[in-house]
Amino acid sequence: MSRKYKFHNPTAAYFVSFATVYWIDVFTREMYLKALVDSIRYCRAHKGMELFA
């Protein structure tokens, strides 16, 4: 499976899901949570991503 996902319809809403390696507790460890939040903020500011949930 390709890791380079492409979204072809810029006006559509997409559902994105992911899994972590070794069940890392992303939302309780500050270091991992910060990386996730920073990535989402970057996508919203520079790539036009809208977050609905």
PDB file of N, CA and C in Angstrom:
ATOM      1  N   MET A   1       0.840  -1.182   0.000  1.00  0.00           N
ATOM      2  CA  MET A   1       0.000   0.000   0.000  1.00  0.00           C
ATOM      3  C   MET A   1       0.883   1.242   0.000  1.00  0.00           C
ATOM      4  N   SER A   2       0.536   2.216  -0.804  1.00  0.00           N
ATOM      5  CA  SER A   2       1.304   3.454  -0.890  1.00  0.00           C
ATOM      6  C   SER A   2       1.151   4.281   0.374  1.00  0.00           C
ATOM      7  N   ARG A   3       2.227   4.906   0.787  1.00  0.00           N
ATOM      8  CA  ARG A   3       2.171   5.815   1.931  1.00  0.00           C
ATOM      9  C   ARG A   3       2.009   7.259   1.488  1.00  0.00           C
ATOM     10  N   LYS A   4       1.952   7.485   0.193  1.00  0.00           N
ATOM     11  CA  LYS A   4       1.766   8.829  -0.347  1.00  0.00           C
ATOM     12  C   LYS A   4       0.309   8.978  -0.765  1.00  0.00           C
ATOM     13  N   TYR A   5      -0.529   9.325   0.181  1.00  0.00           N
ATOM     14  CA  TYR A   5      -1.946   9.436  -0.089  1.00  0.00           C
ATOM     15  C   TYR A   5      -2.213  10.700  -0.885  1.00  0.00           C
ATOM     16  N   LYS A   6      -3.159  10.611  -1.802  1.00  0.00           N
ATOM     17  CA  LYS A   6      -3.517  11.757  -2.615  1.00  0.00           C
ATOM     18  C   LYS A   6      -5.025  11.978  -2.491  1.00  0.00           C
ATOM     19  N   PHE A   7      -5.388  13.199  -2.255  1.00  0.00           N
ATOM     20  CA  PHE A   7      -6.785  13.575  -2.162  1.00  0.00           C
ATOM     21  C   PHE A   7      -7.103  14.406  -3.400  1.00  0.00           C
ATOM     22  N   HIS A   8      -7.948  13.877  -4.263  1.00  0.00           N
ATOM     23  CA  HIS A   8      -8.159  14.478  -5.570  1.00  0.00           C
ATOM     24  C   HIS A   8      -9.290  15.499  -5.620  1.00  0.00           C
ATOM     25  N   ASN A   9     -10.132  15.526  -4.646  1.00  0.00           N
ATOM     26  CA  ASN A   9     -11.250  16.470  -4.654  1.00  0.00           C
ATOM     27  C   ASN A   9     -11.072  17.453  -3.502  1.00  0.00           C
ATOM     28  N   PRO A  10     -10.588  18.660  -3.777  1.00  0.00           N
ATOM     29  CA  PRO A  10     -10.311  19.620  -2.691  1.00  0.00           C
ATOM     30  C   PRO A  10     -11.549  20.131  -1.966  1.00  0.00           C
ATOM     31  N   THR A  11     -12.738  19.900  -2.510  1.00  0.00           N
ATOM     32  CA  THR A  11     -13.949  20.379  -1.844  1.00  0.00           C
ATOM     33  C   THR A  11     -14.625  19.291  -1.017  1.00  0.00           C
ATOM     34  N   ALA A  12     -14.119  18.077  -1.083  1.00  0.00           N
ATOM     35  CA  ALA A  12     -14.735  16.962  -0.361  1.00  0.00           C
ATOM     36  C   ALA A  12     -14.186  16.859   1.063  1.00  0.00           C
ATOM     37  N   ALA A  13     -14.965  16.251   1.921  1.00  0.00           N
ATOM     38  CA  ALA A  13     -14.508  15.941   3.278  1.00  0.00           C
ATOM     39  C   ALA A  13     -13.976  14.514   3.280  1.00  0.00           C
ATOM     40  N   TYR A  14     -12.887  14.282   3.958  1.00  0.00           N
ATOM     41  CA  TYR A  14     -12.274  12.964   4.014  1.00  0.00           C
ATOM     42  C   TYR A  14     -12.184  12.500   5.457  1.00  0.00           C
ATOM     43  N   PHE A  15     -12.347  11.203   5.658  1.00  0.00           N
ATOM     44  CA  PHE A  15     -12.166  10.585   6.961  1.00  0.00           C
ATOM     45  C   PHE A  15     -10.774   9.983   6.979  1.00  0.00           C
ATOM     46  N   VAL A  16      -9.981  10.358   7.963  1.00  0.00           N
ATOM     47  CA  VAL A  16      -8.617   9.853   8.065  1.00  0.00           C
ATOM     48  C   VAL A  16      -8.473   9.090   9.366  1.00  0.00           C
ATOM     49  N   SER A  17      -7.899   7.924   9.303  1.00  0.00           N
ATOM     50  CA  SER A  17      -7.682   7.091  10.471  1.00  0.00           C
ATOM     51  C   SER A  17      -6.249   6.596  10.454  1.00  0.00           C
ATOM     52  N   PHE A  18      -5.713   6.292  11.613  1.00  0.00           N
ATOM     53  CA  PHE A  18      -4.350   5.781  11.661  1.00  0.00           C
ATOM     54  C   PHE A  18      -4.187   4.867  12.855  1.00  0.00           C
ATOM     55  N   ALA A  19      -3.132   4.105  12.827  1.00  0.00           N
ATOM     56  CA  ALA A  19      -2.784   3.223  13.943  1.00  0.00           C
ATOM     57  C   ALA A  19      -1.354   3.519  14.343  1.00  0.00           C
ATOM     58  N   THR A  20      -1.019   3.233  15.569  1.00  0.00           N
ATOM     59  CA  THR A  20       0.338   3.482  16.037  1.00  0.00           C
ATOM     60  C   THR A  20       1.109   2.174  16.139  1.00  0.00           C
ATOM     61  N   VAL A  21       2.407   2.278  16.009  1.00  0.00           N
ATOM     62  CA  VAL A  21       3.277   1.118  16.127  1.00  0.00           C
ATOM     63  C   VAL A  21       3.436   0.782  17.606  1.00  0.00           C
ATOM     64  N   TYR A  22       3.286  -0.462  17.953  1.00  0.00           N
ATOM     65  CA  TYR A  22       3.425  -0.950  19.334  1.00  0.00           C
ATOM     66  C   TYR A  22       2.455  -0.284  20.303  1.00  0.00           C
ATOM     67  N   TRP A  23       1.326   0.190  19.808  1.00  0.00           N
ATOM     68  CA  TRP A  23       0.296   0.793  20.652  1.00  0.00           C
ATOM     69  C   TRP A  23       0.834   1.925  21.533  1.00  0.00           C
ATOM     70  N   ILE A  24       1.677   2.773  20.961  1.00  0.00           N
ATOM     71  CA  ILE A  24       2.219   3.930  21.697  1.00  0.00           C
ATOM     72  C   ILE A  24       1.051   4.798  22.162  1.00  0.00           C
ATOM     73  N   ASP A  25       1.095   5.200  23.393  1.00  0.00           N
ATOM     74  CA  ASP A  25       0.014   6.009  23.958  1.00  0.00           C
ATOM     75  C   ASP A  25       0.195   7.480  23.559  1.00  0.00           C
ATOM     76  N   VAL A  26      -0.251   7.800  22.350  1.00  0.00           N
ATOM     77  CA  VAL A  26      -0.051   9.110  21.738  1.00  0.00           C
ATOM     78  C   VAL A  26      -0.678  10.232  22.555  1.00  0.00           C
ATOM     79  N   PHE A  27      -1.836  10.010  23.120  1.00  0.00           N
ATOM     80  CA  PHE A  27      -2.558  11.099  23.759  1.00  0.00           C
ATOM     81  C   PHE A  27      -2.234  11.283  25.236  1.00  0.00           C
ATOM     82  N   THR A  28      -1.399  10.468  25.804  1.00  0.00           N
ATOM     83  CA  THR A  28      -1.041  10.652  27.206  1.00  0.00           C
ATOM     84  C   THR A  28       0.423  11.024  27.395  1.00  0.00           C
ATOM     85  N   ARG A  29       1.241  10.846  26.379  1.00  0.00           N
ATOM     86  CA  ARG A  29       2.643  11.266  26.465  1.00  0.00           C
ATOM     87  C   ARG A  29       2.804  12.611  25.771  1.00  0.00           C
ATOM     88  N   GLU A  30       3.242  13.599  26.531  1.00  0.00           N
ATOM     89  CA  GLU A  30       3.332  14.978  26.051  1.00  0.00           C
ATOM     90  C   GLU A  30       4.137  15.092  24.756  1.00  0.00           C
ATOM     91  N   MET A  31       5.236  14.376  24.654  1.00  0.00           N
ATOM     92  CA  MET A  31       6.109  14.466  23.488  1.00  0.00           C
ATOM     93  C   MET A  31       5.363  14.037  22.212  1.00  0.00           C
ATOM     94  N   TYR A  32       4.614  12.942  22.272  1.00  0.00           N
ATOM     95  CA  TYR A  32       3.899  12.451  21.104  1.00  0.00           C
ATOM     96  C   TYR A  32       2.690  13.327  20.786  1.00  0.00           C
ATOM     97  N   LEU A  33       2.007  13.765  21.797  1.00  0.00           N
ATOM     98  CA  LEU A  33       0.852  14.632  21.598  1.00  0.00           C
ATOM     99  C   LEU A  33       1.273  15.939  20.935  1.00  0.00           C
ATOM    100  N   LYS A  34       2.376  16.513  21.377  1.00  0.00           N
ATOM    101  CA  LYS A  34       2.872  17.766  20.792  1.00  0.00           C
ATOM    102  C   LYS A  34       3.204  17.587  19.317  1.00  0.00           C
ATOM    103  N   ALA A  35       3.837  16.482  18.957  1.00  0.00           N
ATOM    104  CA  ALA A  35       4.170  16.221  17.547  1.00  0.00           C
ATOM    105  C   ALA A  35       2.904  16.126  16.700  1.00  0.00           C
ATOM    106  N   LEU A  36       1.880  15.459  17.210  1.00  0.00           N
ATOM    107  CA  LEU A  36       0.624  15.325  16.485  1.00  0.00           C
ATOM    108  C   LEU A  36      -0.067  16.676  16.329  1.00  0.00           C
ATOM    109  N   VAL A  37      -0.155  17.434  17.412  1.00  0.00           N
ATOM    110  CA  VAL A  37      -0.804  18.745  17.377  1.00  0.00           C
ATOM    111  C   VAL A  37      -0.053  19.695  16.449  1.00  0.00           C
ATOM    112  N   ASP A  38       1.272  19.694  16.504  1.00  0.00           N
ATOM    113  CA  ASP A  38       2.068  20.548  15.622  1.00  0.00           C
ATOM    114  C   ASP A  38       1.840  20.194  14.156  1.00  0.00           C
ATOM    115  N   SER A  39       1.736  18.919  13.854  1.00  0.00           N
ATOM    116  CA  SER A  39       1.494  18.475  12.476  1.00  0.00           C
ATOM    117  C   SER A  39       0.134  18.940  11.977  1.00  0.00           C
ATOM    118  N   ILE A  40      -0.880  18.824  12.825  1.00  0.00           N
ATOM    119  CA  ILE A  40      -2.224  19.270  12.447  1.00  0.00           C
ATOM    120  C   ILE A  40      -2.242  20.777  12.259  1.00  0.00           C
ATOM    121  N   ARG A  41      -1.609  21.510  13.145  1.00  0.00           N
ATOM    122  CA  ARG A  41      -1.550  22.979  13.013  1.00  0.00           C
ATOM    123  C   ARG A  41      -0.854  23.388  11.718  1.00  0.00           C
ATOM    124  N   TYR A  42       0.230  22.698  11.374  1.00  0.00           N
ATOM    125  CA  TYR A  42       0.953  23.003  10.138  1.00  0.00           C
ATOM    126  C   TYR A  42       0.048  22.778   8.924  1.00  0.00           C
ATOM    127  N   CYS A  43      -0.630  21.656   8.902  1.00  0.00           N
ATOM    128  CA  CYS A  43      -1.513  21.349   7.771  1.00  0.00           C
ATOM    129  C   CYS A  43      -2.649  22.359   7.653  1.00  0.00           C
ATOM    130  N   ARG A  44      -3.172  22.797   8.764  1.00  0.00           N
ATOM    131  CA  ARG A  44      -4.236  23.803   8.739  1.00  0.00           C
ATOM    132  C   ARG A  44      -3.722  25.139   8.233  1.00  0.00           C
ATOM    133  N   ALA A  45      -2.511  25.543   8.661  1.00  0.00           N
ATOM    134  CA  ALA A  45      -1.963  26.850   8.301  1.00  0.00           C
ATOM    135  C   ALA A  45      -1.389  26.897   6.887  1.00  0.00           C
ATOM    136  N   HIS A  46      -0.780  25.807   6.431  1.00  0.00           N
ATOM    137  CA  HIS A  46      -0.036  25.852   5.171  1.00  0.00           C
ATOM    138  C   HIS A  46      -0.611  25.001   4.048  1.00  0.00           C
ATOM    139  N   LYS A  47      -1.510  24.111   4.355  1.00  0.00           N
ATOM    140  CA  LYS A  47      -2.033  23.228   3.315  1.00  0.00           C
ATOM    141  C   LYS A  47      -3.547  23.339   3.148  1.00  0.00           C
ATOM    142  N   GLY A  48      -4.161  24.250   3.885  1.00  0.00           N
ATOM    143  CA  GLY A  48      -5.590  24.484   3.720  1.00  0.00           C
ATOM    144  C   GLY A  48      -6.488  23.424   4.335  1.00  0.00           C
ATOM    145  N   MET A  49      -5.967  22.625   5.227  1.00  0.00           N
ATOM    146  CA  MET A  49      -6.777  21.580   5.852  1.00  0.00           C
ATOM    147  C   MET A  49      -7.805  22.207   6.796  1.00  0.00           C
ATOM    148  N   GLU A  50      -9.025  21.716   6.752  1.00  0.00           N
ATOM    149  CA  GLU A  50     -10.051  22.114   7.695  1.00  0.00           C
ATOM    150  C   GLU A  50     -10.312  20.918   8.610  1.00  0.00           C
ATOM    151  N   LEU A  51     -10.390  21.177   9.898  1.00  0.00           N
ATOM    152  CA  LEU A  51     -10.580  20.108  10.881  1.00  0.00           C
ATOM    153  C   LEU A  51     -12.008  20.199  11.421  1.00  0.00           C
ATOM    154  N   PHE A  52     -12.744  19.113  11.320  1.00  0.00           N
ATOM    155  CA  PHE A  52     -14.152  19.099  11.742  1.00  0.00           C
ATOM    156  C   PHE A  52     -14.373  18.355  13.051  1.00  0.00           C
ATOM    157  N   ALA A  53     -13.377  17.684  13.564  1.00  0.00           N
ATOM    158  CA  ALA A  53     -13.562  16.966  14.813  1.00  0.00           C
ATOM    159  C   ALA A  53     -12.246  16.867  15.546  1.00  0.00           C
TER     160      ALA A  53
END
